[in-house]
Structures are given as C-alpha cells and as structure tokens.
C-alpha cells in the first residue's frame, strides 16, 4: 500500500492530467475542476470535496492509499451526481 503522501501525489498528477488546476505547493493541496464547479482539498489523511451547486462540503470518506487514480475518478464522479428527490 502507498503512503498517504505518495497516493496524494498520484491523485494530484492524475487530476492535473484531467485538466484540473492543481495547487500542490499549498499547505493544503487542492485541485479545482476545469469549470470551477468543485474543489478537492487534500488535508492530512482526508480528501474534502466542495461543490456548492450540490450542497457538498465535507470529507469523501475514502482511503486514497488503496485506490488507483481511475478508481478515485470513478468515486468522484459518483459523488458529483445530483441526488434524486
């Protein structure tokens, strides 16, 4: 299993490849989607998702050390789906 720092680096590189604006040198590294609709913040041992349009602003409750970037992207896509009323 990867360390959290290695997993975070892998996720940020993948997001940059998907054209997110990545700010890896911040105290809390973050990635902003191309449209600006959502932001991922990589805090110590947690990934926080902020998407005001969907009312999301909390931890994604996942262990990125156990995921590939493709798996992470799939989880993110599910989080960004609007819930049905």
PDB file of N, CA and C in Angstrom:
ATOM      1  N   UNK A   1       0.848  -1.185   0.000  1.00  0.00           N
ATOM      2  CA  UNK A   1       0.000   0.000   0.000  1.00  0.00           C
ATOM      3  C   UNK A   1       0.887   1.239   0.000  1.00  0.00           C
ATOM      4  N   UNK A   2       0.462   2.241  -0.732  1.00  0.00           N
ATOM      5  CA  UNK A   2       1.193   3.501  -0.807  1.00  0.00           C
ATOM      6  C   UNK A   2       1.093   4.276   0.503  1.00  0.00           C
ATOM      7  N   UNK A   3       2.041   5.187   0.713  1.00  0.00           N
ATOM      8  CA  UNK A   3       1.892   6.123   1.818  1.00  0.00           C
ATOM      9  C   UNK A   3       0.863   7.161   1.395  1.00  0.00           C
ATOM     10  N   UNK A   4       0.328   7.903   2.349  1.00  0.00           N
ATOM     11  CA  UNK A   4      -0.656   8.926   2.008  1.00  0.00           C
ATOM     12  C   UNK A   4      -0.034   9.979   1.085  1.00  0.00           C
ATOM     13  N   UNK A   5       1.204  10.383   1.371  1.00  0.00           N
ATOM     14  CA  UNK A   5       1.854  11.399   0.540  1.00  0.00           C
ATOM     15  C   UNK A   5       2.036  10.917  -0.895  1.00  0.00           C
ATOM     16  N   UNK A   6       2.432   9.662  -1.068  1.00  0.00           N
ATOM     17  CA  UNK A   6       2.603   9.107  -2.413  1.00  0.00           C
ATOM     18  C   UNK A   6       1.258   9.018  -3.132  1.00  0.00           C
ATOM     19  N   UNK A   7       0.229   8.591  -2.419  1.00  0.00           N
ATOM     20  CA  UNK A   7      -1.105   8.495  -3.011  1.00  0.00           C
ATOM     21  C   UNK A   7      -1.623   9.881  -3.382  1.00  0.00           C
ATOM     22  N   UNK A   8      -1.402  10.844  -2.505  1.00  0.00           N
ATOM     23  CA  UNK A   8      -1.840  12.220  -2.795  1.00  0.00           C
ATOM     24  C   UNK A   8      -1.138  12.751  -4.035  1.00  0.00           C
ATOM     25  N   UNK A   9       0.142  12.510  -4.156  1.00  0.00           N
ATOM     26  CA  UNK A   9       0.893  12.948  -5.344  1.00  0.00           C
ATOM     27  C   UNK A   9       0.339  12.300  -6.604  1.00  0.00           C
ATOM     28  N   UNK A  10       0.014  11.013  -6.526  1.00  0.00           N
ATOM     29  CA  UNK A  10      -0.541  10.298  -7.671  1.00  0.00           C
ATOM     30  C   UNK A  10      -1.898  10.884  -8.060  1.00  0.00           C
ATOM     31  N   UNK A  11      -2.744  11.168  -7.071  1.00  0.00           N
ATOM     32  CA  UNK A  11      -4.070  11.720  -7.352  1.00  0.00           C
ATOM     33  C   UNK A  11      -3.957  13.121  -7.950  1.00  0.00           C
ATOM     34  N   UNK A  12      -3.084  13.943  -7.402  1.00  0.00           N
ATOM     35  CA  UNK A  12      -2.909  15.291  -7.933  1.00  0.00           C
ATOM     36  C   UNK A  12      -2.369  15.267  -9.361  1.00  0.00           C
ATOM     37  N   UNK A  13      -1.450  14.343  -9.648  1.00  0.00           N
ATOM     38  CA  UNK A  13      -0.924  14.212 -11.015  1.00  0.00           C
ATOM     39  C   UNK A  13      -2.029  13.777 -11.974  1.00  0.00           C
ATOM     40  N   UNK A  14      -2.867  12.856 -11.541  1.00  0.00           N
ATOM     41  CA  UNK A  14      -3.986  12.414 -12.367  1.00  0.00           C
ATOM     42  C   UNK A  14      -4.968  13.535 -12.627  1.00  0.00           C
ATOM     43  N   UNK A  15      -5.266  14.309 -11.588  1.00  0.00           N
ATOM     44  CA  UNK A  15      -6.183  15.435 -11.741  1.00  0.00           C
ATOM     45  C   UNK A  15      -5.603  16.489 -12.680  1.00  0.00           C
ATOM     46  N   UNK A  16      -4.308  16.734 -12.575  1.00  0.00           N
ATOM     47  CA  UNK A  16      -3.661  17.683 -13.491  1.00  0.00           C
ATOM     48  C   UNK A  16      -3.775  17.176 -14.928  1.00  0.00           C
ATOM     49  N   UNK A  17      -3.628  15.864 -15.113  1.00  0.00           N
ATOM     50  CA  UNK A  17      -3.790  15.269 -16.432  1.00  0.00           C
ATOM     51  C   UNK A  17      -5.204  15.395 -16.964  1.00  0.00           C
ATOM     52  N   UNK A  18      -6.168  15.496 -16.055  1.00  0.00           N
ATOM     53  CA  UNK A  18      -7.573  15.692 -16.437  1.00  0.00           C
ATOM     54  C   UNK A  18      -7.924  17.182 -16.503  1.00  0.00           C
ATOM     55  N   UNK A  19      -6.885  18.015 -16.539  1.00  0.00           N
ATOM     56  CA  UNK A  19      -7.002  19.468 -16.711  1.00  0.00           C
ATOM     57  C   UNK A  19      -7.557  20.228 -15.515  1.00  0.00           C
ATOM     58  N   UNK A  20      -7.503  19.629 -14.334  1.00  0.00           N
ATOM     59  CA  UNK A  20      -7.828  20.377 -13.124  1.00  0.00           C
ATOM     60  C   UNK A  20      -6.700  21.379 -12.880  1.00  0.00           C
ATOM     61  N   UNK A  21      -7.010  22.479 -12.222  1.00  0.00           N
ATOM     62  CA  UNK A  21      -5.982  23.411 -11.779  1.00  0.00           C
ATOM     63  C   UNK A  21      -5.484  22.892 -10.439  1.00  0.00           C
ATOM     64  N   UNK A  22      -4.259  22.416 -10.413  1.00  0.00           N
ATOM     65  CA  UNK A  22      -3.692  21.781  -9.217  1.00  0.00           C
ATOM     66  C   UNK A  22      -2.721  22.739  -8.542  1.00  0.00           C
ATOM     67  N   UNK A  23      -2.901  22.915  -7.246  1.00  0.00           N
ATOM     68  CA  UNK A  23      -2.003  23.735  -6.438  1.00  0.00           C
ATOM     69  C   UNK A  23      -1.405  22.837  -5.367  1.00  0.00           C
ATOM     70  N   UNK A  24      -0.375  22.099  -5.758  1.00  0.00           N
ATOM     71  CA  UNK A  24       0.222  21.098  -4.874  1.00  0.00           C
ATOM     72  C   UNK A  24       1.113  21.705  -3.802  1.00  0.00           C
ATOM     73  N   UNK A  25       1.579  22.934  -4.004  1.00  0.00           N
ATOM     74  CA  UNK A  25       2.526  23.524  -3.052  1.00  0.00           C
ATOM     75  C   UNK A  25       1.846  24.245  -1.884  1.00  0.00           C
ATOM     76  N   UNK A  26       0.526  24.311  -1.872  1.00  0.00           N
ATOM     77  CA  UNK A  26      -0.174  24.941  -0.754  1.00  0.00           C
ATOM     78  C   UNK A  26      -0.071  24.087   0.506  1.00  0.00           C
ATOM     79  N   UNK A  27      -0.288  24.700   1.662  1.00  0.00           N
ATOM     80  CA  UNK A  27      -0.286  23.944   2.916  1.00  0.00           C
ATOM     81  C   UNK A  27      -1.309  22.818   2.840  1.00  0.00           C
ATOM     82  N   UNK A  28      -2.474  23.103   2.261  1.00  0.00           N
ATOM     83  CA  UNK A  28      -3.496  22.098   1.990  1.00  0.00           C
ATOM     84  C   UNK A  28      -3.639  22.035   0.464  1.00  0.00           C
ATOM     85  N   UNK A  29      -2.946  21.081  -0.171  1.00  0.00           N
ATOM     86  CA  UNK A  29      -3.005  20.995  -1.635  1.00  0.00           C
ATOM     87  C   UNK A  29      -4.447  20.879  -2.125  1.00  0.00           C
ATOM     88  N   UNK A  30      -4.703  21.492  -3.282  1.00  0.00           N
ATOM     89  CA  UNK A  30      -6.056  21.451  -3.803  1.00  0.00           C
ATOM     90  C   UNK A  30      -6.059  21.326  -5.310  1.00  0.00           C
ATOM     91  N   UNK A  31      -7.207  20.906  -5.832  1.00  0.00           N
ATOM     92  CA  UNK A  31      -7.428  20.798  -7.269  1.00  0.00           C
ATOM     93  C   UNK A  31      -8.813  21.349  -7.561  1.00  0.00           C
ATOM     94  N   UNK A  32      -8.877  22.253  -8.540  1.00  0.00           N
ATOM     95  CA  UNK A  32     -10.142  22.885  -8.915  1.00  0.00           C
ATOM     96  C   UNK A  32     -10.511  22.388 -10.305  1.00  0.00           C
ATOM     97  N   UNK A  33     -11.758  21.980 -10.479  1.00  0.00           N
ATOM     98  CA  UNK A  33     -12.206  21.457 -11.764  1.00  0.00           C
ATOM     99  C   UNK A  33     -12.093  22.524 -12.854  1.00  0.00           C
ATOM    100  N   UNK A  34     -12.064  22.082 -14.102  1.00  0.00           N
ATOM    101  CA  UNK A  34     -11.947  22.991 -15.236  1.00  0.00           C
ATOM    102  C   UNK A  34     -13.051  24.040 -15.206  1.00  0.00           C
ATOM    103  N   UNK A  35     -14.266  23.618 -14.908  1.00  0.00           N
ATOM    104  CA  UNK A  35     -15.411  24.536 -14.878  1.00  0.00           C
ATOM    105  C   UNK A  35     -15.465  25.370 -13.605  1.00  0.00           C
ATOM    106  N   UNK A  36     -14.672  24.991 -12.605  1.00  0.00           N
ATOM    107  CA  UNK A  36     -14.708  25.682 -11.315  1.00  0.00           C
ATOM    108  C   UNK A  36     -15.869  25.254 -10.445  1.00  0.00           C
ATOM    109  N   UNK A  37     -16.582  24.213 -10.854  1.00  0.00           N
ATOM    110  CA  UNK A  37     -17.774  23.784 -10.126  1.00  0.00           C
ATOM    111  C   UNK A  37     -17.464  23.063  -8.826  1.00  0.00           C
ATOM    112  N   UNK A  38     -16.284  22.476  -8.721  1.00  0.00           N
ATOM    113  CA  UNK A  38     -15.936  21.782  -7.481  1.00  0.00           C
ATOM    114  C   UNK A  38     -14.435  21.855  -7.221  1.00  0.00           C
ATOM    115  N   UNK A  39     -14.116  21.709  -5.941  1.00  0.00           N
ATOM    116  CA  UNK A  39     -12.734  21.765  -5.474  1.00  0.00           C
ATOM    117  C   UNK A  39     -12.468  20.567  -4.577  1.00  0.00           C
ATOM    118  N   UNK A  40     -11.301  19.976  -4.751  1.00  0.00           N
ATOM    119  CA  UNK A  40     -10.841  18.899  -3.872  1.00  0.00           C
ATOM    120  C   UNK A  40      -9.697  19.446  -3.034  1.00  0.00           C
ATOM    121  N   UNK A  41      -9.774  19.241  -1.727  1.00  0.00           N
ATOM    122  CA  UNK A  41      -8.693  19.663  -0.834  1.00  0.00           C
ATOM    123  C   UNK A  41      -8.130  18.422  -0.164  1.00  0.00           C
ATOM    124  N   UNK A  42      -6.830  18.261  -0.275  1.00  0.00           N
ATOM    125  CA  UNK A  42      -6.158  17.086   0.263  1.00  0.00           C
ATOM    126  C   UNK A  42      -5.557  17.426   1.616  1.00  0.00           C
ATOM    127  N   UNK A  43      -6.388  17.295   2.655  1.00  0.00           N
ATOM    128  CA  UNK A  43      -5.937  17.550   4.017  1.00  0.00           C
ATOM    129  C   UNK A  43      -5.205  16.319   4.533  1.00  0.00           C
ATOM    130  N   UNK A  44      -4.644  16.433   5.724  1.00  0.00           N
ATOM    131  CA  UNK A  44      -3.909  15.313   6.307  1.00  0.00           C
ATOM    132  C   UNK A  44      -4.836  14.114   6.469  1.00  0.00           C
ATOM    133  N   UNK A  45      -4.572  13.065   5.717  1.00  0.00           N
ATOM    134  CA  UNK A  45      -5.297  11.799   5.787  1.00  0.00           C
ATOM    135  C   UNK A  45      -6.752  11.877   5.340  1.00  0.00           C
ATOM    136  N   UNK A  46      -7.152  12.946   4.637  1.00  0.00           N
ATOM    137  CA  UNK A  46      -8.540  13.052   4.186  1.00  0.00           C
ATOM    138  C   UNK A  46      -8.627  13.901   2.923  1.00  0.00           C
ATOM    139  N   UNK A  47      -9.602  13.578   2.090  1.00  0.00           N
ATOM    140  CA  UNK A  47      -9.878  14.376   0.895  1.00  0.00           C
ATOM    141  C   UNK A  47     -11.249  15.012   1.093  1.00  0.00           C
ATOM    142  N   UNK A  48     -11.290  16.335   1.010  1.00  0.00           N
ATOM    143  CA  UNK A  48     -12.532  17.071   1.160  1.00  0.00           C
ATOM    144  C   UNK A  48     -13.012  17.544  -0.202  1.00  0.00           C
ATOM    145  N   UNK A  49     -14.292  17.408  -0.437  1.00  0.00           N
ATOM    146  CA  UNK A  49     -14.918  17.828  -1.681  1.00  0.00           C
ATOM    147  C   UNK A  49     -15.851  18.992  -1.389  1.00  0.00           C
ATOM    148  N   UNK A  50     -15.692  20.058  -2.164  1.00  0.00           N
ATOM    149  CA  UNK A  50     -16.585  21.208  -2.058  1.00  0.00           C
ATOM    150  C   UNK A  50     -17.250  21.413  -3.414  1.00  0.00           C
ATOM    151  N   UNK A  51     -18.563  21.325  -3.439  1.00  0.00           N
ATOM    152  CA  UNK A  51     -19.352  21.541  -4.654  1.00  0.00           C
ATOM    153  C   UNK A  51     -20.613  22.298  -4.247  1.00  0.00           C
ATOM    154  N   UNK A  52     -20.551  23.632  -4.255  1.00  0.00           N
ATOM    155  CA  UNK A  52     -21.688  24.425  -3.794  1.00  0.00           C
ATOM    156  C   UNK A  52     -23.001  24.126  -4.525  1.00  0.00           C
ATOM    157  N   UNK A  53     -22.948  23.849  -5.814  1.00  0.00           N
ATOM    158  CA  UNK A  53     -24.176  23.601  -6.584  1.00  0.00           C
ATOM    159  C   UNK A  53     -24.940  22.386  -6.065  1.00  0.00           C
ATOM    160  N   UNK A  54     -24.213  21.411  -5.505  1.00  0.00           N
ATOM    161  CA  UNK A  54     -24.854  20.208  -4.979  1.00  0.00           C
ATOM    162  C   UNK A  54     -24.945  20.213  -3.453  1.00  0.00           C
ATOM    163  N   UNK A  55     -24.482  21.280  -2.825  1.00  0.00           N
ATOM    164  CA  UNK A  55     -24.533  21.375  -1.367  1.00  0.00           C
ATOM    165  C   UNK A  55     -23.545  20.452  -0.677  1.00  0.00           C
ATOM    166  N   UNK A  56     -22.441  20.124  -1.357  1.00  0.00           N
ATOM    167  CA  UNK A  56     -21.439  19.217  -0.787  1.00  0.00           C
ATOM    168  C   UNK A  56     -20.266  20.037  -0.261  1.00  0.00           C
ATOM    169  N   UNK A  57     -19.876  19.764   0.962  1.00  0.00           N
ATOM    170  CA  UNK A  57     -18.698  20.400   1.550  1.00  0.00           C
ATOM    171  C   UNK A  57     -18.232  19.568   2.736  1.00  0.00           C
ATOM    172  N   UNK A  58     -17.689  18.375   2.441  1.00  0.00           N
ATOM    173  CA  UNK A  58     -17.226  17.514   3.521  1.00  0.00           C
ATOM    174  C   UNK A  58     -16.275  16.443   3.007  1.00  0.00           C
ATOM    175  N   UNK A  59     -15.761  15.656   3.915  1.00  0.00           N
ATOM    176  CA  UNK A  59     -14.840  14.583   3.584  1.00  0.00           C
ATOM    177  C   UNK A  59     -15.513  13.545   2.700  1.00  0.00           C
ATOM    178  N   UNK A  60     -14.729  12.996   1.770  1.00  0.00           N
ATOM    179  CA  UNK A  60     -15.256  11.955   0.885  1.00  0.00           C
ATOM    180  C   UNK A  60     -15.238  10.579   1.552  1.00  0.00           C
ATOM    181  N   UNK A  61     -14.671  10.453   2.738  1.00  0.00           N
ATOM    182  CA  UNK A  61     -14.648   9.195   3.499  1.00  0.00           C
ATOM    183  C   UNK A  61     -14.065   8.043   2.672  1.00  0.00           C
ATOM    184  N   UNK A  62     -12.850   8.235   2.176  1.00  0.00           N
ATOM    185  CA  UNK A  62     -12.185   7.163   1.445  1.00  0.00           C
ATOM    186  C   UNK A  62     -10.702   7.168   1.758  1.00  0.00           C
ATOM    187  N   UNK A  63     -10.077   6.026   1.528  1.00  0.00           N
ATOM    188  CA  UNK A  63      -8.644   5.877   1.769  1.00  0.00           C
ATOM    189  C   UNK A  63      -7.952   5.862   0.413  1.00  0.00           C
ATOM    190  N   UNK A  64      -7.375   6.998   0.020  1.00  0.00           N
ATOM    191  CA  UNK A  64      -6.762   7.090  -1.304  1.00  0.00           C
ATOM    192  C   UNK A  64      -5.542   6.189  -1.439  1.00  0.00           C
ATOM    193  N   UNK A  65      -4.995   5.724  -0.330  1.00  0.00           N
ATOM    194  CA  UNK A  65      -3.829   4.829  -0.408  1.00  0.00           C
ATOM    195  C   UNK A  65      -4.184   3.502  -1.053  1.00  0.00           C
ATOM    196  N   UNK A  66      -5.449   3.122  -0.988  1.00  0.00           N
ATOM    197  CA  UNK A  66      -5.891   1.822  -1.502  1.00  0.00           C
ATOM    198  C   UNK A  66      -6.511   1.923  -2.898  1.00  0.00           C
ATOM    199  N   UNK A  67      -6.486   3.125  -3.500  1.00  0.00           N
ATOM    200  CA  UNK A  67      -7.139   3.326  -4.787  1.00  0.00           C
ATOM    201  C   UNK A  67      -6.152   3.666  -5.892  1.00  0.00           C
ATOM    202  N   UNK A  68      -6.490   3.263  -7.109  1.00  0.00           N
ATOM    203  CA  UNK A  68      -5.768   3.770  -8.275  1.00  0.00           C
ATOM    204  C   UNK A  68      -6.412   5.105  -8.632  1.00  0.00           C
ATOM    205  N   UNK A  69      -5.780   5.868  -9.516  1.00  0.00           N
ATOM    206  CA  UNK A  69      -6.389   7.132  -9.915  1.00  0.00           C
ATOM    207  C   UNK A  69      -7.715   6.894 -10.622  1.00  0.00           C
ATOM    208  N   UNK A  70      -7.807   5.851 -11.424  1.00  0.00           N
ATOM    209  CA  UNK A  70      -9.054   5.549 -12.137  1.00  0.00           C
ATOM    210  C   UNK A  70     -10.186   5.246 -11.150  1.00  0.00           C
ATOM    211  N   UNK A  71      -9.880   4.517 -10.081  1.00  0.00           N
ATOM    212  CA  UNK A  71     -10.891   4.235  -9.057  1.00  0.00           C
ATOM    213  C   UNK A  71     -11.304   5.519  -8.346  1.00  0.00           C
ATOM    214  N   UNK A  72     -10.326   6.361  -8.026  1.00  0.00           N
ATOM    215  CA  UNK A  72     -10.613   7.642  -7.381  1.00  0.00           C
ATOM    216  C   UNK A  72     -11.517   8.494  -8.275  1.00  0.00           C
ATOM    217  N   UNK A  73     -11.208   8.544  -9.567  1.00  0.00           N
ATOM    218  CA  UNK A  73     -12.010   9.327 -10.509  1.00  0.00           C
ATOM    219  C   UNK A  73     -13.449   8.801 -10.572  1.00  0.00           C
ATOM    220  N   UNK A  74     -13.609   7.483 -10.527  1.00  0.00           N
ATOM    221  CA  UNK A  74     -14.956   6.885 -10.546  1.00  0.00           C
ATOM    222  C   UNK A  74     -15.732   7.246  -9.280  1.00  0.00           C
ATOM    223  N   UNK A  75     -15.073   7.213  -8.122  1.00  0.00           N
ATOM    224  CA  UNK A  75     -15.722   7.594  -6.860  1.00  0.00           C
ATOM    225  C   UNK A  75     -16.116   9.067  -6.915  1.00  0.00           C
ATOM    226  N   UNK A  76     -15.221   9.905  -7.410  1.00  0.00           N
ATOM    227  CA  UNK A  76     -15.511  11.333  -7.522  1.00  0.00           C
ATOM    228  C   UNK A  76     -16.716  11.569  -8.430  1.00  0.00           C
ATOM    229  N   UNK A  77     -16.787  10.861  -9.540  1.00  0.00           N
ATOM    230  CA  UNK A  77     -17.918  11.008 -10.460  1.00  0.00           C
ATOM    231  C   UNK A  77     -19.233  10.654  -9.773  1.00  0.00           C
ATOM    232  N   UNK A  78     -19.219   9.607  -8.932  1.00  0.00           N
ATOM    233  CA  UNK A  78     -20.441   9.238  -8.200  1.00  0.00           C
ATOM    234  C   UNK A  78     -20.839  10.329  -7.207  1.00  0.00           C
ATOM    235  N   UNK A  79     -19.850  10.914  -6.519  1.00  0.00           N
ATOM    236  CA  UNK A  79     -20.134  11.984  -5.563  1.00  0.00           C
ATOM    237  C   UNK A  79     -20.743  13.195  -6.261  1.00  0.00           C
ATOM    238  N   UNK A  80     -20.354  13.430  -7.497  1.00  0.00           N
ATOM    239  CA  UNK A  80     -20.805  14.625  -8.211  1.00  0.00           C
ATOM    240  C   UNK A  80     -22.124  14.451  -8.947  1.00  0.00           C
ATOM    241  N   UNK A  81     -22.722  13.274  -8.826  1.00  0.00           N
ATOM    242  CA  UNK A  81     -24.039  13.053  -9.420  1.00  0.00           C
ATOM    243  C   UNK A  81     -25.108  13.681  -8.533  1.00  0.00           C
ATOM    244  N   UNK A  82     -26.010  14.474  -9.129  1.00  0.00           N
ATOM    245  CA  UNK A  82     -27.095  15.033  -8.309  1.00  0.00           C
ATOM    246  C   UNK A  82     -27.963  13.908  -7.749  1.00  0.00           C
ATOM    247  N   UNK A  83     -28.340  14.036  -6.496  1.00  0.00           N
ATOM    248  CA  UNK A  83     -29.205  13.024  -5.898  1.00  0.00           C
ATOM    249  C   UNK A  83     -30.642  13.255  -6.360  1.00  0.00           C
ATOM    250  N   UNK A  84     -31.368  12.170  -6.452  1.00  0.00           N
ATOM    251  CA  UNK A  84     -32.764  12.267  -6.881  1.00  0.00           C
ATOM    252  C   UNK A  84     -33.631  12.699  -5.697  1.00  0.00           C
ATOM    253  N   UNK A  85     -34.652  13.508  -5.958  1.00  0.00           N
ATOM    254  CA  UNK A  85     -35.515  13.966  -4.852  1.00  0.00           C
ATOM    255  C   UNK A  85     -36.309  12.851  -4.228  1.00  0.00           C
TER     256      UNK A  85
END
